[in-house]
Amino acid sequence: MIVSLKFFTFCFLTLFEVYLDDLKSDSITGLSLNFFHHIFACIVFFPFLHGFYKLHLCLVLLTIVNWSLCKNCILSEIVNNYCNTPGRKFQNYHYFITNAYPINVSTKNQMISLLTILILFSTYKIIHY
């Protein structure tokens, strides 16, 4: 796929995810952090659109460490703190898909399974480039 088309697709998916998120807040800082959180999530879940596989691998590992050490995602907690929305779930594509098609597996286990697949994908790409 052409680099500019990949970049456009990545930007579109990120902006569409932000559009779907129903976060309401008067805090510009909170909304900006939420936007950054959506960018981060799209980098993690769409590595084939940006091609930065080493960065992707680092971010996925950091995400797994964060979820292993903390009860919730630290970025979600920071956004919720600034926007005064305690306990609010981050609304990304994973959130919308699992709400539309619920399965009887914890969210944490779903995410770790998905991230494991993404780690294998990025590792394969790093080795074969």
Protein backbone atom coordinates (compact mmCIF):
# COMPACT_ATOMS: atom_id res chain seq x y z
CA MET A 1 0.00 0.00 0.00
CA ILE A 2 1.26 3.48 -0.78
CA VAL A 3 2.73 5.29 2.24
CA SER A 4 0.45 8.31 1.89
CA LEU A 5 -2.62 6.06 1.67
CA LYS A 6 -1.52 4.21 4.82
CA PHE A 7 -1.01 7.53 6.60
CA PHE A 8 -4.40 8.83 5.45
CA THR A 9 -6.09 5.59 6.58
CA PHE A 10 -4.35 5.76 9.96
CA CYS A 11 -5.42 9.41 10.44
CA PHE A 12 -8.98 8.63 9.36
CA LEU A 13 -9.27 5.66 11.75
CA THR A 14 -7.86 7.75 14.60
CA LEU A 15 -10.19 10.69 13.97
CA PHE A 16 -13.18 8.37 13.53
CA GLU A 17 -12.38 6.70 16.85
CA VAL A 18 -12.23 10.14 18.52
CA TYR A 19 -15.58 11.00 16.89
CA LEU A 20 -17.18 7.82 18.28
CA ASP A 21 -15.97 8.58 21.80
CA ASP A 22 -18.73 10.37 23.74
CA LEU A 23 -16.43 12.07 26.28
CA LYS A 24 -17.83 15.43 27.35
CA SER A 25 -15.58 17.78 29.28
CA ASP A 26 -14.76 21.45 29.77
CA SER A 27 -11.10 20.57 30.26
CA ILE A 28 -9.03 21.29 27.16
CA THR A 29 -6.16 19.39 28.78
CA GLY A 30 -8.40 16.37 29.38
CA LEU A 31 -9.73 16.40 25.82
CA SER A 32 -6.19 16.79 24.44
CA LEU A 33 -4.98 13.87 26.55
CA ASN A 34 -7.95 11.82 25.35
CA PHE A 35 -7.01 12.62 21.73
CA PHE A 36 -3.43 11.51 22.47
CA HIS A 37 -4.82 8.33 24.04
CA HIS A 38 -6.72 7.59 20.81
CA ILE A 39 -3.56 8.14 18.76
CA PHE A 40 -1.66 5.81 21.11
CA ALA A 41 -4.41 3.16 20.82
CA CYS A 42 -4.40 3.33 17.02
CA ILE A 43 -0.59 3.04 16.96
CA VAL A 44 -0.90 -0.06 19.14
CA PHE A 45 -3.78 -1.70 17.24
CA PHE A 46 -2.87 -0.79 13.64
CA PRO A 47 0.89 -1.41 13.26
CA PHE A 48 0.49 -2.38 9.62
CA LEU A 49 -0.60 1.18 8.82
CA HIS A 50 2.44 2.97 10.24
CA GLY A 51 5.25 0.44 9.86
CA PHE A 52 7.20 1.51 12.97
CA TYR A 53 7.42 -2.05 14.26
CA LYS A 54 10.16 -1.48 16.85
CA LEU A 55 8.24 1.46 18.33
CA HIS A 56 5.07 -0.62 18.19
CA LEU A 57 6.74 -3.50 20.03
CA CYS A 58 7.96 -1.14 22.78
CA LEU A 59 4.53 0.46 23.18
CA VAL A 60 2.77 -2.90 23.35
CA LEU A 61 5.20 -4.14 25.99
CA LEU A 62 4.73 -0.92 27.99
CA THR A 63 0.97 -1.37 27.73
CA ILE A 64 1.17 -4.93 29.01
CA VAL A 65 3.43 -3.87 31.90
CA ASN A 66 1.01 -1.06 32.74
CA TRP A 67 -1.98 -3.41 32.83
CA SER A 68 -0.01 -5.96 34.84
CA LEU A 69 0.99 -3.42 37.50
CA CYS A 70 -2.14 -1.28 37.59
CA LYS A 71 -5.82 -2.13 37.75
CA ASN A 72 -6.63 0.16 34.79
CA CYS A 73 -4.81 1.87 31.96
CA ILE A 74 -2.83 4.77 33.38
CA LEU A 75 -3.76 7.01 30.40
CA SER A 76 -7.46 6.35 31.03
CA GLU A 77 -7.02 7.24 34.70
CA ILE A 78 -5.25 10.51 33.83
CA VAL A 79 -7.92 11.48 31.27
CA ASN A 80 -10.69 10.59 33.73
CA ASN A 81 -9.00 12.71 36.40
CA TYR A 82 -8.73 15.79 34.15
CA CYS A 83 -12.25 15.36 32.76
CA ASN A 84 -13.82 14.56 36.14
CA THR A 85 -15.24 11.26 34.86
CA PRO A 86 -14.13 8.66 37.43
CA GLY A 87 -14.41 5.03 36.34
CA ARG A 88 -15.18 5.88 32.72
CA LYS A 89 -13.99 3.28 30.19
CA PHE A 90 -11.84 4.40 27.28
CA GLN A 91 -13.98 4.18 24.14
CA ASN A 92 -11.82 2.83 21.34
CA TYR A 93 -12.58 0.29 18.61
CA HIS A 94 -12.10 -2.58 21.06
CA TYR A 95 -14.72 -1.05 23.35
CA PHE A 96 -17.29 -0.68 20.56
CA ILE A 97 -16.67 -4.13 19.08
CA THR A 98 -16.90 -5.92 22.43
CA ASN A 99 -20.09 -4.03 23.29
CA ALA A 100 -21.64 -4.97 19.95
CA TYR A 101 -20.47 -8.60 20.13
CA PRO A 102 -20.04 -9.50 23.82
CA ILE A 103 -18.08 -12.59 24.74
CA ASN A 104 -17.68 -14.17 28.15
CA VAL A 105 -13.98 -13.35 28.63
CA SER A 106 -12.60 -10.56 30.80
CA THR A 107 -11.52 -7.40 29.02
CA LYS A 108 -8.01 -7.75 30.39
CA ASN A 109 -7.68 -11.28 28.94
CA GLN A 110 -9.08 -10.12 25.61
CA MET A 111 -6.57 -7.31 25.43
CA ILE A 112 -3.61 -9.47 26.43
CA SER A 113 -4.57 -12.02 23.75
CA LEU A 114 -4.87 -9.31 21.14
CA LEU A 115 -1.61 -7.68 22.18
CA THR A 116 0.17 -11.05 22.05
CA ILE A 117 -0.92 -11.43 18.43
CA LEU A 118 0.30 -7.88 17.72
CA ILE A 119 3.65 -8.63 19.38
CA LEU A 120 4.07 -11.69 17.16
CA PHE A 121 3.17 -9.61 14.09
CA SER A 122 5.69 -6.87 14.88
CA THR A 123 8.39 -9.37 15.82
CA TYR A 124 7.87 -11.13 12.49
CA LYS A 125 8.09 -7.83 10.61
CA ILE A 126 11.26 -6.78 12.49
CA ILE A 127 12.98 -10.11 11.78
CA HIS A 128 11.98 -10.18 8.11
CA TYR A 129 13.01 -6.62 7.21
